C-alpha atoms as a PDB file:
ATOM      1  CA  MET A   1     -81.908  48.074 110.404  1.00  0.00           C
ATOM      2  CA  GLN A   2     -79.772  50.272 112.443  1.00  0.00           C
ATOM      3  CA  GLU A   3     -76.389  48.865 113.386  1.00  0.00           C
ATOM      4  CA  THR A   4     -77.593  49.216 117.465  1.00  0.00           C
ATOM      5  CA  ASP A   5     -80.218  46.806 116.270  1.00  0.00           C
ATOM      6  CA  LYS A   6     -78.291  44.054 114.769  1.00  0.00           C
ATOM      7  CA  LYS A   7     -78.095  41.628 117.766  1.00  0.00           C
ATOM      8  CA  ASN A   8     -82.222  42.179 117.369  1.00  0.00           C
ATOM      9  CA  ALA A   9     -82.789  41.388 113.962  1.00  0.00           C
ATOM     10  CA  ARG A  10     -86.263  39.605 113.481  1.00  0.00           C
ATOM     11  CA  VAL A  11     -86.509  36.508 111.526  1.00  0.00           C
ATOM     12  CA  LEU A  12     -89.592  35.168 109.563  1.00  0.00           C
ATOM     13  CA  ILE A  13     -89.260  30.919 108.747  1.00  0.00           C
ATOM     14  CA  VAL A  14     -91.426  29.963 105.578  1.00  0.00           C
ATOM     15  CA  ASP A  15     -91.709  26.221 104.883  1.00  0.00           C
ATOM     16  CA  ASP A  16     -94.944  24.520 103.866  1.00  0.00           C
ATOM     17  CA  HIS A  17     -93.625  21.320 106.191  1.00  0.00           C
ATOM     18  CA  GLU A  18     -94.383  22.254 110.068  1.00  0.00           C
ATOM     19  CA  ILE A  19     -91.720  19.791 110.945  1.00  0.00           C
ATOM     20  CA  PHE A  20     -89.092  21.286 109.041  1.00  0.00           C
ATOM     21  CA  ARG A  21     -90.385  25.084 110.788  1.00  0.00           C
ATOM     22  CA  ARG A  22     -90.143  23.506 114.100  1.00  0.00           C
ATOM     23  CA  GLY A  23     -86.082  22.367 113.227  1.00  0.00           C
ATOM     24  CA  LEU A  24     -85.411  25.910 111.914  1.00  0.00           C
ATOM     25  CA  ARG A  25     -86.839  27.377 114.856  1.00  0.00           C
ATOM     26  CA  ALA A  26     -85.174  25.031 117.309  1.00  0.00           C
ATOM     27  CA  LEU A  27     -81.636  25.854 115.520  1.00  0.00           C
ATOM     28  CA  LEU A  28     -82.191  29.553 115.156  1.00  0.00           C
ATOM     29  CA  GLU A  29     -83.740  30.190 118.684  1.00  0.00           C
ATOM     30  CA  PRO A  30     -80.936  29.582 121.073  1.00  0.00           C
ATOM     31  CA  SER A  31     -78.752  32.736 119.284  1.00  0.00           C
ATOM     32  CA  SER A  32     -79.150  36.057 120.508  1.00  0.00           C
ATOM     33  CA  GLU A  33     -78.256  37.576 117.271  1.00  0.00           C
ATOM     34  CA  TRP A  34     -81.686  37.443 116.643  1.00  0.00           C
ATOM     35  CA  GLN A  35     -85.107  36.681 117.368  1.00  0.00           C
ATOM     36  CA  ILE A  36     -87.708  34.447 115.469  1.00  0.00           C
ATOM     37  CA  CYS A  37     -91.189  36.964 114.697  1.00  0.00           C
ATOM     38  CA  GLY A  38     -93.139  34.568 113.035  1.00  0.00           C
ATOM     39  CA  GLU A  39     -93.493  31.433 110.920  1.00  0.00           C
ATOM     40  CA  ALA A  40     -95.069  31.122 107.694  1.00  0.00           C
ATOM     41  CA  VAL A  41     -96.966  27.856 105.628  1.00  0.00           C
ATOM     42  CA  ASP A  42     -96.536  29.062 102.288  1.00  0.00           C
ATOM     43  CA  GLY A  43     -95.306  31.746  99.678  1.00  0.00           C
ATOM     44  CA  VAL A  44     -99.088  33.962  99.976  1.00  0.00           C
ATOM     45  CA  ASP A  45     -98.602  33.437 103.427  1.00  0.00           C
ATOM     46  CA  ALA A  46     -95.061  34.891 103.719  1.00  0.00           C
ATOM     47  CA  VAL A  47     -96.133  37.843 101.585  1.00  0.00           C
ATOM     48  CA  GLU A  48     -99.074  38.512 103.823  1.00  0.00           C
ATOM     49  CA  GLN A  49     -96.489  37.989 107.309  1.00  0.00           C
ATOM     50  CA  CYS A  50     -93.937  40.416 105.766  1.00  0.00           C
ATOM     51  CA  GLN A  51     -96.368  43.128 105.432  1.00  0.00           C
ATOM     52  CA  SER A  52     -97.869  42.955 109.013  1.00  0.00           C
ATOM     53  CA  LEU A  53     -94.471  41.564 110.955  1.00  0.00           C
ATOM     54  CA  GLN A  54     -91.962  43.596 108.883  1.00  0.00           C
ATOM     55  CA  PRO A  55     -89.226  41.051 109.304  1.00  0.00           C
ATOM     56  CA  ASP A  56     -84.994  41.925 108.668  1.00  0.00           C
ATOM     57  CA  ILE A  57     -84.460  38.377 107.694  1.00  0.00           C
ATOM     58  CA  VAL A  58     -86.968  35.674 105.751  1.00  0.00           C
ATOM     59  CA  VAL A  59     -85.625  32.693 105.764  1.00  0.00           C
ATOM     60  CA  LEU A  60     -88.113  30.994 102.307  1.00  0.00           C
ATOM     61  CA  ASP A  61     -88.121  27.762 100.853  1.00  0.00           C
ATOM     62  CA  VAL A  62     -88.596  27.090  97.260  1.00  0.00           C
ATOM     63  CA  SER A  63     -90.913  24.696  97.302  1.00  0.00           C
ATOM     64  CA  MET A  64     -94.589  25.414  98.427  1.00  0.00           C
ATOM     65  CA  PRO A  65     -97.852  25.449  97.246  1.00  0.00           C
ATOM     66  CA  ARG A  66    -100.082  28.370  96.110  1.00  0.00           C
ATOM     67  CA  LEU A  67     -97.039  30.373  95.479  1.00  0.00           C
ATOM     68  CA  ASN A  68     -93.465  29.140  95.381  1.00  0.00           C
ATOM     69  CA  GLY A  69     -90.385  30.384  97.304  1.00  0.00           C
ATOM     70  CA  LEU A  70     -89.093  32.361  94.280  1.00  0.00           C
ATOM     71  CA  GLU A  71     -92.205  34.086  93.382  1.00  0.00           C
ATOM     72  CA  ALA A  72     -92.474  35.228  96.987  1.00  0.00           C
ATOM     73  CA  ALA A  73     -89.445  36.437  97.233  1.00  0.00           C
ATOM     74  CA  ARG A  74     -90.508  38.626  94.387  1.00  0.00           C
ATOM     75  CA  LEU A  75     -93.212  39.998  95.834  1.00  0.00           C
ATOM     76  CA  ILE A  76     -91.700  40.759  99.036  1.00  0.00           C
ATOM     77  CA  ARG A  77     -88.714  42.345  97.548  1.00  0.00           C
ATOM     78  CA  LYS A  78     -91.266  44.415  95.638  1.00  0.00           C
ATOM     79  CA  GLN A  79     -93.602  45.284  98.454  1.00  0.00           C
ATOM     80  CA  SER A  80     -90.364  46.586 100.489  1.00  0.00           C
ATOM     81  CA  PRO A  81     -86.664  46.195  99.870  1.00  0.00           C
ATOM     82  CA  GLU A  82     -85.943  45.585 103.734  1.00  0.00           C
ATOM     83  CA  PRO A  83     -86.371  41.938 104.182  1.00  0.00           C
ATOM     84  CA  HIS A  84     -82.945  40.214 103.412  1.00  0.00           C
ATOM     85  CA  ILE A  85     -84.208  36.744 101.500  1.00  0.00           C
ATOM     86  CA  VAL A  86     -82.318  33.469 102.541  1.00  0.00           C
ATOM     87  CA  ILE A  87     -83.456  30.919 100.064  1.00  0.00           C
ATOM     88  CA  ILE A  88     -83.625  27.096 101.806  1.00  0.00           C
ATOM     89  CA  THR A  89     -84.460  24.140  99.354  1.00  0.00           C
ATOM     90  CA  GLN A  90     -83.803  20.410  98.718  1.00  0.00           C
ATOM     91  CA  HIS A  91     -82.570  21.079  95.080  1.00  0.00           C
ATOM     92  CA  ASP A  92     -79.322  22.330  94.464  1.00  0.00           C
ATOM     93  CA  SER A  93     -78.824  23.443  91.006  1.00  0.00           C
ATOM     94  CA  PRO A  94     -77.372  26.428  89.318  1.00  0.00           C
ATOM     95  CA  GLN A  95     -80.814  27.329  87.716  1.00  0.00           C
ATOM     96  CA  ILE A  96     -81.914  27.463  90.858  1.00  0.00           C
ATOM     97  CA  ARG A  97     -79.142  29.154  92.917  1.00  0.00           C
ATOM     98  CA  SER A  98     -79.305  31.762  90.026  1.00  0.00           C
ATOM     99  CA  ALA A  99     -83.136  31.900  89.995  1.00  0.00           C
ATOM    100  CA  ALA A 100     -82.822  33.206  93.810  1.00  0.00           C
ATOM    101  CA  MET A 101     -80.232  35.572  93.382  1.00  0.00           C
ATOM    102  CA  GLU A 102     -82.590  37.235  90.399  1.00  0.00           C
ATOM    103  CA  ALA A 103     -85.329  37.150  92.944  1.00  0.00           C
ATOM    104  CA  GLY A 104     -83.415  39.371  95.371  1.00  0.00           C
ATOM    105  CA  ALA A 105     -82.106  36.650  97.529  1.00  0.00           C
ATOM    106  CA  ARG A 106     -79.027  37.174  99.676  1.00  0.00           C
ATOM    107  CA  ALA A 107     -78.100  33.676 100.485  1.00  0.00           C
ATOM    108  CA  PHE A 108     -78.634  30.268  99.527  1.00  0.00           C
ATOM    109  CA  VAL A 109     -78.708  27.063 101.553  1.00  0.00           C
ATOM    110  CA  THR A 110     -79.478  23.695 100.567  1.00  0.00           C
ATOM    111  CA  LYS A 111     -81.831  21.788 103.646  1.00  0.00           C
ATOM    112  CA  SER A 112     -79.083  19.364 103.277  1.00  0.00           C
ATOM    113  CA  ALA A 113     -76.837  21.619 104.623  1.00  0.00           C
ATOM    114  CA  VAL A 114     -79.220  23.859 106.899  1.00  0.00           C
ATOM    115  CA  GLY A 115     -77.633  22.527 110.419  1.00  0.00           C
ATOM    116  CA  SER A 116     -73.842  23.685 109.254  1.00  0.00           C
ATOM    117  CA  ASP A 117     -74.792  26.800 106.945  1.00  0.00           C
ATOM    118  CA  LEU A 118     -77.908  28.782 107.750  1.00  0.00           C
ATOM    119  CA  VAL A 119     -76.574  30.128 110.856  1.00  0.00           C
ATOM    120  CA  SER A 120     -73.194  31.596 109.416  1.00  0.00           C
ATOM    121  CA  ALA A 121     -75.700  32.915 106.488  1.00  0.00           C
ATOM    122  CA  LEU A 122     -77.597  34.860 108.878  1.00  0.00           C
ATOM    123  CA  ARG A 123     -74.707  36.324 110.358  1.00  0.00           C
ATOM    124  CA  ASN A 124     -73.138  37.222 107.335  1.00  0.00           C
ATOM    125  CA  ILE A 125     -76.225  39.105 106.575  1.00  0.00           C
ATOM    126  CA  ILE A 126     -76.457  40.727 109.943  1.00  0.00           C
ATOM    127  CA  GLN A 127     -72.950  41.944 109.867  1.00  0.00           C
ATOM    128  CA  GLY A 128     -73.558  43.395 106.122  1.00  0.00           C
ATOM    129  CA  LEU A 129     -76.150  45.496 107.437  1.00  0.00           C
ATOM    130  CA  GLY A 130     -73.749  46.998 110.132  1.00  0.00           C
ATOM    131  CA  ALA A 131     -71.281  48.062 107.549  1.00  0.00           C
END
């Protein structure tokens, strides 16, 4: 993504719980810094949607059926180094944080802190893209 495109960062939301996806969409949509390009319901869907939608940022839950978020992140990064991964999870442990970073995540946000931390994590990623 070029610096001139920063305000149009495309974000894919991935979580197996529809109500949480809706909440993330409601939190992120008001910003003009990015646009929600799609939603995925599990890790397999996330990998497929990344191929077709080519998002700049993937907000990816860890605990999902069919393919967990860490494995999905690895596959997404293997397919293309372009999307920046933001891992979200209800479990905050050093092991999960470390596994998220090893899988290629640029940020880690706990679900309990999504309201206060997700927007700033996305802004930090976007600012880094323009640098």
